[in-house]
């Protein structure tokens, strides 16, 4: 794991948009909150830096710059799914519903 408090002359430069930085930050926040909420003893940074099946073998910190992978990560942690859920398992949750449009029924209160 890279030490975030060190500087290295051979560090690879990566260009990101502000939106991509916000996506990574959103996912990092969701991971940290979930791990604390559920008492998961894994280091959240380790989850972000480890290649995951969900992202086709890429680490979340790289994959979550894209809109779709960011949404996948937020959904995984919001629903409390397996930490290394497969991309195939998530595809069913990410596909648009085939249910016919219907109105929401709100009970009178």
Protein backbone atom coordinates (compact mmCIF):
# COMPACT_ATOMS: atom_id res chain seq x y z
CA UNK A 1 0.00 0.00 0.00
CA UNK A 2 1.25 3.46 -0.81
CA UNK A 3 2.00 5.62 2.20
CA UNK A 4 -0.14 8.75 1.76
CA UNK A 5 2.18 10.78 3.98
CA UNK A 6 5.26 10.13 1.84
CA UNK A 7 6.29 11.83 -1.38
CA UNK A 8 8.05 9.90 -4.07
CA UNK A 9 9.86 11.14 -7.15
CA UNK A 10 8.68 8.10 -9.07
CA UNK A 11 4.98 8.51 -8.20
CA UNK A 12 2.72 8.13 -11.21
CA UNK A 13 0.87 11.34 -12.06
CA UNK A 14 -2.87 10.87 -12.55
CA UNK A 15 -5.16 13.53 -14.00
CA UNK A 16 -8.67 13.61 -12.53
CA UNK A 17 -11.60 15.94 -12.96
CA UNK A 18 -13.13 17.55 -9.90
CA UNK A 19 -16.20 15.31 -10.38
CA UNK A 20 -14.01 12.18 -10.38
CA UNK A 21 -12.34 13.31 -7.15
CA UNK A 22 -15.78 13.85 -5.59
CA UNK A 23 -16.84 10.34 -6.71
CA UNK A 24 -13.82 8.75 -5.04
CA UNK A 25 -14.46 10.81 -1.90
CA UNK A 26 -18.13 9.77 -1.86
CA UNK A 27 -17.20 6.10 -2.07
CA UNK A 28 -14.51 6.48 0.62
CA UNK A 29 -17.05 8.14 2.90
CA UNK A 30 -19.59 5.36 2.31
CA UNK A 31 -16.99 2.65 2.96
CA UNK A 32 -15.80 4.26 6.20
CA UNK A 33 -19.34 4.83 7.45
CA UNK A 34 -20.40 1.27 6.68
CA UNK A 35 -17.34 -0.29 8.27
CA UNK A 36 -17.91 1.75 11.43
CA UNK A 37 -21.69 1.14 11.47
CA UNK A 38 -21.34 -2.62 10.98
CA UNK A 39 -18.18 -3.06 13.04
CA UNK A 40 -16.22 -4.40 10.07
CA UNK A 41 -12.64 -4.79 11.18
CA UNK A 42 -11.15 -4.47 7.68
CA UNK A 43 -9.30 -1.22 6.99
CA UNK A 44 -11.47 0.92 4.66
CA UNK A 45 -8.34 2.03 2.76
CA UNK A 46 -7.47 -1.62 2.14
CA UNK A 47 -10.93 -2.12 0.61
CA UNK A 48 -10.40 0.89 -1.65
CA UNK A 49 -6.93 -0.23 -2.80
CA UNK A 50 -7.59 -3.95 -3.34
CA UNK A 51 -8.72 -5.22 -6.76
CA UNK A 52 -12.39 -6.25 -6.62
CA UNK A 53 -14.56 -8.56 -8.72
CA UNK A 54 -17.23 -5.84 -8.79
CA UNK A 55 -14.87 -3.66 -10.81
CA UNK A 56 -13.54 -6.43 -13.06
CA UNK A 57 -10.29 -6.76 -11.12
CA UNK A 58 -9.58 -3.06 -10.69
CA UNK A 59 -9.27 -1.43 -7.26
CA UNK A 60 -12.25 0.76 -6.29
CA UNK A 61 -10.10 3.88 -5.96
CA UNK A 62 -9.46 3.67 -9.71
CA UNK A 63 -12.79 2.25 -10.87
CA UNK A 64 -14.99 4.67 -8.93
CA UNK A 65 -13.96 7.64 -11.03
CA UNK A 66 -16.64 6.46 -13.46
CA UNK A 67 -20.30 7.25 -12.77
CA UNK A 68 -21.46 3.63 -13.05
CA UNK A 69 -18.77 2.14 -10.81
CA UNK A 70 -19.26 4.91 -8.25
CA UNK A 71 -22.99 4.08 -8.17
CA UNK A 72 -22.18 0.37 -7.81
CA UNK A 73 -19.91 1.00 -4.84
CA UNK A 74 -22.42 3.26 -3.10
CA UNK A 75 -25.13 0.63 -3.63
CA UNK A 76 -22.91 -2.17 -2.26
CA UNK A 77 -22.24 -0.27 0.94
CA UNK A 78 -25.70 1.25 1.28
CA UNK A 79 -27.29 -2.20 1.10
CA UNK A 80 -24.57 -3.89 3.18
CA UNK A 81 -23.72 -6.40 0.45
CA UNK A 82 -20.71 -8.74 0.36
CA UNK A 83 -17.45 -6.79 0.30
CA UNK A 84 -16.26 -8.54 -2.86
CA UNK A 85 -19.60 -9.05 -4.60
CA UNK A 86 -19.31 -10.07 -8.24
CA UNK A 87 -20.07 -7.73 -11.11
CA UNK A 88 -22.65 -10.23 -12.37
CA UNK A 89 -24.54 -10.18 -9.07
CA UNK A 90 -24.69 -6.39 -9.16
CA UNK A 91 -25.87 -6.25 -12.77
CA UNK A 92 -29.34 -7.43 -11.70
CA UNK A 93 -29.58 -4.63 -9.15
CA UNK A 94 -28.32 -1.99 -11.57
CA UNK A 95 -30.60 -2.82 -14.51
CA UNK A 96 -33.76 -0.76 -14.94
CA UNK A 97 -36.88 -2.39 -13.59
CA UNK A 98 -39.18 -4.12 -16.06
CA UNK A 99 -42.21 -3.56 -13.84
CA UNK A 100 -44.94 -1.44 -15.43
CA UNK A 101 -45.13 2.16 -14.28
CA UNK A 102 -47.51 2.62 -11.42
CA UNK A 103 -48.37 5.37 -9.01
CA UNK A 104 -47.15 5.33 -5.43
CA UNK A 105 -49.94 4.73 -2.97
CA UNK A 106 -49.45 6.72 0.20
CA UNK A 107 -51.59 5.64 3.15
CA UNK A 108 -53.78 8.35 4.63
CA UNK A 109 -52.43 9.35 7.93
